[in-house]
Amino acid sequence: MGNFNKYVYRIFIESEFIIFKNSKEFKGNQLDVNSGFIHLSTLNQIDDTVKRYFRIEKELSIVQFKTIDLSSCLKWEKSRDTQLFPHFYGVLKFGWVRDVKTRFNL
C-alpha cells in the first residue's frame, strides 16, 4: 500500500519551482487548484507521470518530501490505472524539501 513509502515527489516545471523556492510555499498550479489537492507521485510513478503530462517541458525539478512531514494532509487515493497516488491537501512548505533533482527532457 502507498503509505509505506518514506518519500513522495512533486514534479515542478521550471517556473513553478522558482516561485516555490522564492516564496517558500506552494499552493498548487491550476490543475491542483481544480482538483482540490496538490498532485504528488511515488518514485515508481515519476517516469510515467513525466511522459504523460510534462513531455513538452525542457527542464523539470523533481522535489523529494518525507511523507512524515506531510502526514497530516497527505492522503493515498486511487487515480490513474487504479494506482494509489499521494495527494496533498494543504500548502507545501519549502522547508520540507529533502532533495531536488533537475531533469532535462531531450
Protein backbone atom coordinates (compact mmCIF):
# COMPACT_ATOMS: atom_id res chain seq x y z
CA MET A 1 0.00 0.00 0.00
CA GLY A 2 1.16 3.52 -0.80
CA ASN A 3 1.51 4.79 2.75
CA PHE A 4 4.60 2.61 3.32
CA ASN A 5 6.56 4.99 1.09
CA LYS A 6 9.07 7.04 3.07
CA TYR A 7 9.23 9.74 0.37
CA VAL A 8 6.88 11.35 -2.14
CA TYR A 9 7.76 13.62 -5.03
CA ARG A 10 6.44 16.71 -6.76
CA ILE A 11 7.29 17.34 -10.39
CA PHE A 12 7.69 21.07 -10.96
CA ILE A 13 8.11 22.88 -14.24
CA GLU A 14 10.99 25.35 -14.04
CA SER A 15 8.86 28.48 -13.45
CA GLU A 16 6.79 26.79 -10.69
CA PHE A 17 9.91 25.65 -8.86
CA ILE A 18 11.43 29.14 -8.94
CA ILE A 19 8.23 30.58 -7.44
CA PHE A 20 8.19 27.83 -4.78
CA LYS A 21 11.83 28.44 -3.89
CA ASN A 22 11.38 32.22 -3.65
CA SER A 23 8.02 32.30 -1.85
CA LYS A 24 8.85 29.30 0.38
CA GLU A 25 5.41 27.76 -0.20
CA PHE A 26 3.40 26.16 -2.99
CA LYS A 27 -0.39 26.24 -3.08
CA GLY A 28 -0.56 24.32 -6.35
CA ASN A 29 -0.87 25.07 -10.03
CA GLN A 30 -4.18 25.37 -11.89
CA LEU A 31 -4.61 21.58 -12.18
CA ASP A 32 -4.03 21.21 -8.43
CA VAL A 33 -6.47 24.00 -7.59
CA ASN A 34 -9.10 22.47 -9.88
CA SER A 35 -8.51 19.03 -8.31
CA GLY A 36 -8.64 20.34 -4.74
CA PHE A 37 -5.23 18.90 -3.83
CA ILE A 38 -1.57 19.02 -4.86
CA HIS A 39 -0.61 16.11 -7.11
CA LEU A 40 2.39 14.10 -5.91
CA SER A 41 3.99 10.83 -7.03
CA THR A 42 5.91 7.93 -5.62
CA LEU A 43 9.39 7.26 -7.00
CA ASN A 44 7.98 4.50 -9.23
CA GLN A 45 5.30 6.82 -10.66
CA ILE A 46 7.59 9.67 -11.73
CA ASP A 47 8.63 8.40 -15.18
CA ASP A 48 5.09 7.67 -16.33
CA THR A 49 3.81 10.99 -14.97
CA VAL A 50 6.58 12.89 -16.79
CA LYS A 51 5.79 11.06 -20.05
CA ARG A 52 2.06 11.76 -19.77
CA TYR A 53 1.98 15.34 -18.52
CA PHE A 54 5.37 17.01 -18.96
CA ARG A 55 6.55 15.94 -22.43
CA ILE A 56 6.88 19.48 -23.77
CA GLU A 57 8.78 20.84 -20.77
CA LYS A 58 12.53 21.15 -21.27
CA GLU A 59 13.53 21.35 -17.61
CA LEU A 60 11.83 19.84 -14.59
CA SER A 61 12.64 19.82 -10.89
CA ILE A 62 11.80 16.60 -9.07
CA VAL A 63 11.38 17.56 -5.42
CA GLN A 64 11.51 14.97 -2.66
CA PHE A 65 9.48 15.24 0.55
CA LYS A 66 9.37 12.91 3.55
CA THR A 67 5.87 11.51 3.97
CA ILE A 68 6.12 12.04 7.73
CA ASP A 69 6.47 15.82 7.16
CA LEU A 70 3.26 15.85 5.10
CA SER A 71 1.34 13.24 7.08
CA SER A 72 -1.45 15.41 8.46
CA CYS A 73 -2.59 16.47 4.96
CA LEU A 74 -1.40 13.52 2.85
CA LYS A 75 -3.97 11.06 1.51
CA TRP A 76 -3.38 7.99 -0.66
CA GLU A 77 -6.12 7.81 -3.26
CA LYS A 78 -6.80 5.70 -6.33
CA SER A 79 -6.12 7.58 -9.52
CA ARG A 80 -4.60 6.68 -12.88
CA ASP A 81 -4.83 2.95 -13.68
CA THR A 82 -6.31 2.40 -10.17
CA GLN A 83 -2.87 3.07 -8.63
CA LEU A 84 -2.68 4.75 -5.25
CA PHE A 85 -1.24 8.24 -5.60
CA PRO A 86 -0.21 10.64 -2.84
CA HIS A 87 -2.45 13.71 -2.80
CA PHE A 88 -1.60 16.62 -0.53
CA TYR A 89 -4.48 18.69 0.87
CA GLY A 90 -2.64 21.77 2.05
CA VAL A 91 0.23 24.14 1.25
CA LEU A 92 3.69 22.68 0.63
CA LYS A 93 6.44 24.42 2.61
CA PHE A 94 9.90 24.78 1.10
CA GLY A 95 11.40 23.82 4.45
CA TRP A 96 10.03 20.30 3.93
CA VAL A 97 12.14 19.76 0.78
CA ARG A 98 14.60 16.89 1.30
CA ASP A 99 16.19 16.76 -2.16
CA VAL A 100 15.87 18.33 -5.61
CA LYS A 101 16.92 16.72 -8.87
CA THR A 102 16.91 18.61 -12.16
CA ARG A 103 15.67 16.56 -15.08
CA PHE A 104 16.10 17.59 -18.68
CA ASN A 105 13.75 16.27 -21.36
CA LEU A 106 15.55 15.81 -24.65
